Amino acid sequence: MGWALLAAFAVWNGWSLWLFRRHRTGLLPGGATTSLIEEGPYRLSRNPLYVGLLALHLGIALLVPSLWAVVTLPVSWLLVWWGAVRPEERFLRERLGEPYVAYTHRVRRWL
């Protein structure tokens, strides 16, 4: 299961990052965000890169194996949600307006 999660992370996040490059839009919050990506993993999740990172966390925890790494997964999720997702959603709502709001109604935050 750990190796499957690592492989899924590599494909999922690689695809997501490739779409940023293809759309020539900023990756980091506050960057040159020029378009809303709604294809590929972004059809299923508004935050596929973070979903991938959490899958990576769990995959490594299962491979090590480390009970503490598994137990701290909810803490990682909370930190990602509070420290990255919430501020990014605010930024994108201000930057992209109604198209982003409509997107949030169509696509789930996580999966």
Protein backbone atom coordinates (compact mmCIF):
# COMPACT_ATOMS: atom_id res chain seq x y z
CA MET A 1 0.00 0.00 0.00
CA GLY A 2 2.86 2.39 0.81
CA TRP A 3 4.47 1.93 -2.61
CA ALA A 4 1.10 2.39 -4.34
CA LEU A 5 0.61 5.69 -2.50
CA LEU A 6 4.11 6.86 -3.49
CA ALA A 7 3.43 5.99 -7.14
CA ALA A 8 0.04 7.73 -7.00
CA PHE A 9 1.70 10.80 -5.49
CA ALA A 10 4.31 10.95 -8.26
CA VAL A 11 1.78 10.64 -11.08
CA TRP A 12 -0.91 12.85 -9.49
CA ASN A 13 1.43 15.67 -8.45
CA GLY A 14 3.48 15.44 -11.63
CA TRP A 15 0.31 15.81 -13.71
CA SER A 16 -0.88 18.72 -11.54
CA LEU A 17 2.45 20.55 -11.84
CA TRP A 18 2.55 19.94 -15.59
CA LEU A 19 -0.87 21.62 -15.88
CA PHE A 20 0.45 24.70 -14.08
CA ARG A 21 3.24 24.92 -16.62
CA ARG A 22 0.93 24.28 -19.57
CA HIS A 23 -1.47 27.01 -18.43
CA ARG A 24 1.45 29.35 -17.64
CA THR A 25 -0.03 30.32 -14.32
CA GLY A 26 1.62 30.88 -10.96
CA LEU A 27 2.20 27.96 -8.66
CA LEU A 28 2.84 29.82 -5.42
CA PRO A 29 0.18 31.89 -3.64
CA GLY A 30 0.48 35.55 -4.53
CA GLY A 31 2.27 34.65 -7.75
CA ALA A 32 1.20 35.47 -11.29
CA THR A 33 -2.11 33.60 -11.17
CA THR A 34 -3.52 34.09 -14.64
CA SER A 35 -5.98 31.24 -15.12
CA LEU A 36 -8.14 28.72 -13.36
CA ILE A 37 -7.16 25.12 -14.08
CA GLU A 38 -10.23 22.87 -14.29
CA GLU A 39 -8.88 19.79 -16.04
CA GLY A 40 -6.99 16.68 -14.99
CA PRO A 41 -6.76 16.28 -11.22
CA TYR A 42 -8.40 19.70 -10.82
CA ARG A 43 -11.68 18.19 -12.03
CA LEU A 44 -11.70 16.02 -8.91
CA SER A 45 -10.03 18.23 -6.29
CA ARG A 46 -9.42 21.94 -5.90
CA ASN A 47 -6.18 21.04 -4.08
CA PRO A 48 -4.66 18.03 -5.81
CA LEU A 49 -1.09 18.96 -4.85
CA TYR A 50 -2.01 18.91 -1.17
CA VAL A 51 -3.96 15.67 -1.57
CA GLY A 52 -0.81 14.23 -3.14
CA LEU A 53 1.39 15.45 -0.31
CA LEU A 54 -0.91 13.85 2.26
CA ALA A 55 -0.81 10.59 0.25
CA LEU A 56 2.99 10.86 0.27
CA HIS A 57 2.96 11.34 4.06
CA LEU A 58 0.80 8.24 4.53
CA GLY A 59 2.80 6.20 2.01
CA ILE A 60 6.08 6.94 3.77
CA ALA A 61 4.48 6.26 7.15
CA LEU A 62 3.38 2.83 5.94
CA LEU A 63 6.76 2.00 4.41
CA VAL A 64 8.90 3.04 7.37
CA PRO A 65 6.69 1.72 9.27
CA SER A 66 6.00 4.40 11.84
CA LEU A 67 2.96 4.55 14.05
CA TRP A 68 3.80 8.17 14.90
CA ALA A 69 3.85 9.13 11.24
CA VAL A 70 0.41 7.60 10.77
CA VAL A 71 -0.91 9.23 13.95
CA THR A 72 0.39 12.66 12.89
CA LEU A 73 -1.37 12.51 9.49
CA PRO A 74 -4.42 14.40 10.84
CA VAL A 75 -2.06 17.07 12.19
CA SER A 76 -0.47 17.38 8.74
CA TRP A 77 -3.91 17.66 7.17
CA LEU A 78 -4.91 20.39 9.65
CA LEU A 79 -1.71 22.36 9.02
CA VAL A 80 -2.17 22.15 5.24
CA TRP A 81 -5.82 23.19 5.50
CA TRP A 82 -5.19 26.07 7.92
CA GLY A 83 -1.82 27.28 6.66
CA ALA A 84 -2.18 26.84 2.90
CA VAL A 85 -5.66 25.95 1.64
CA ARG A 86 -7.63 28.64 3.48
CA PRO A 87 -5.29 31.52 2.50
CA GLU A 88 -5.09 30.28 -1.09
CA GLU A 89 -8.86 30.06 -1.39
CA ARG A 90 -9.17 33.63 -0.14
CA PHE A 91 -6.52 34.79 -2.61
CA LEU A 92 -8.11 32.97 -5.56
CA ARG A 93 -11.58 34.26 -4.70
CA GLU A 94 -10.23 37.82 -4.73
CA ARG A 95 -8.05 37.31 -7.80
CA LEU A 96 -10.38 35.29 -10.06
CA GLY A 97 -13.80 36.28 -8.71
CA GLU A 98 -16.99 34.56 -9.83
CA PRO A 99 -15.37 31.89 -12.03
CA TYR A 100 -13.48 30.61 -8.97
CA VAL A 101 -16.59 30.75 -6.77
CA ALA A 102 -18.50 28.73 -9.39
CA TYR A 103 -15.60 26.25 -9.51
CA THR A 104 -15.79 25.81 -5.72
CA HIS A 105 -19.43 24.80 -6.10
CA ARG A 106 -18.60 22.18 -8.76
CA VAL A 107 -15.40 20.64 -7.37
CA ARG A 108 -14.71 19.38 -3.86
CA ARG A 109 -11.88 20.85 -1.81
CA TRP A 110 -10.17 17.49 -1.26
CA LEU A 111 -11.66 14.53 -3.16
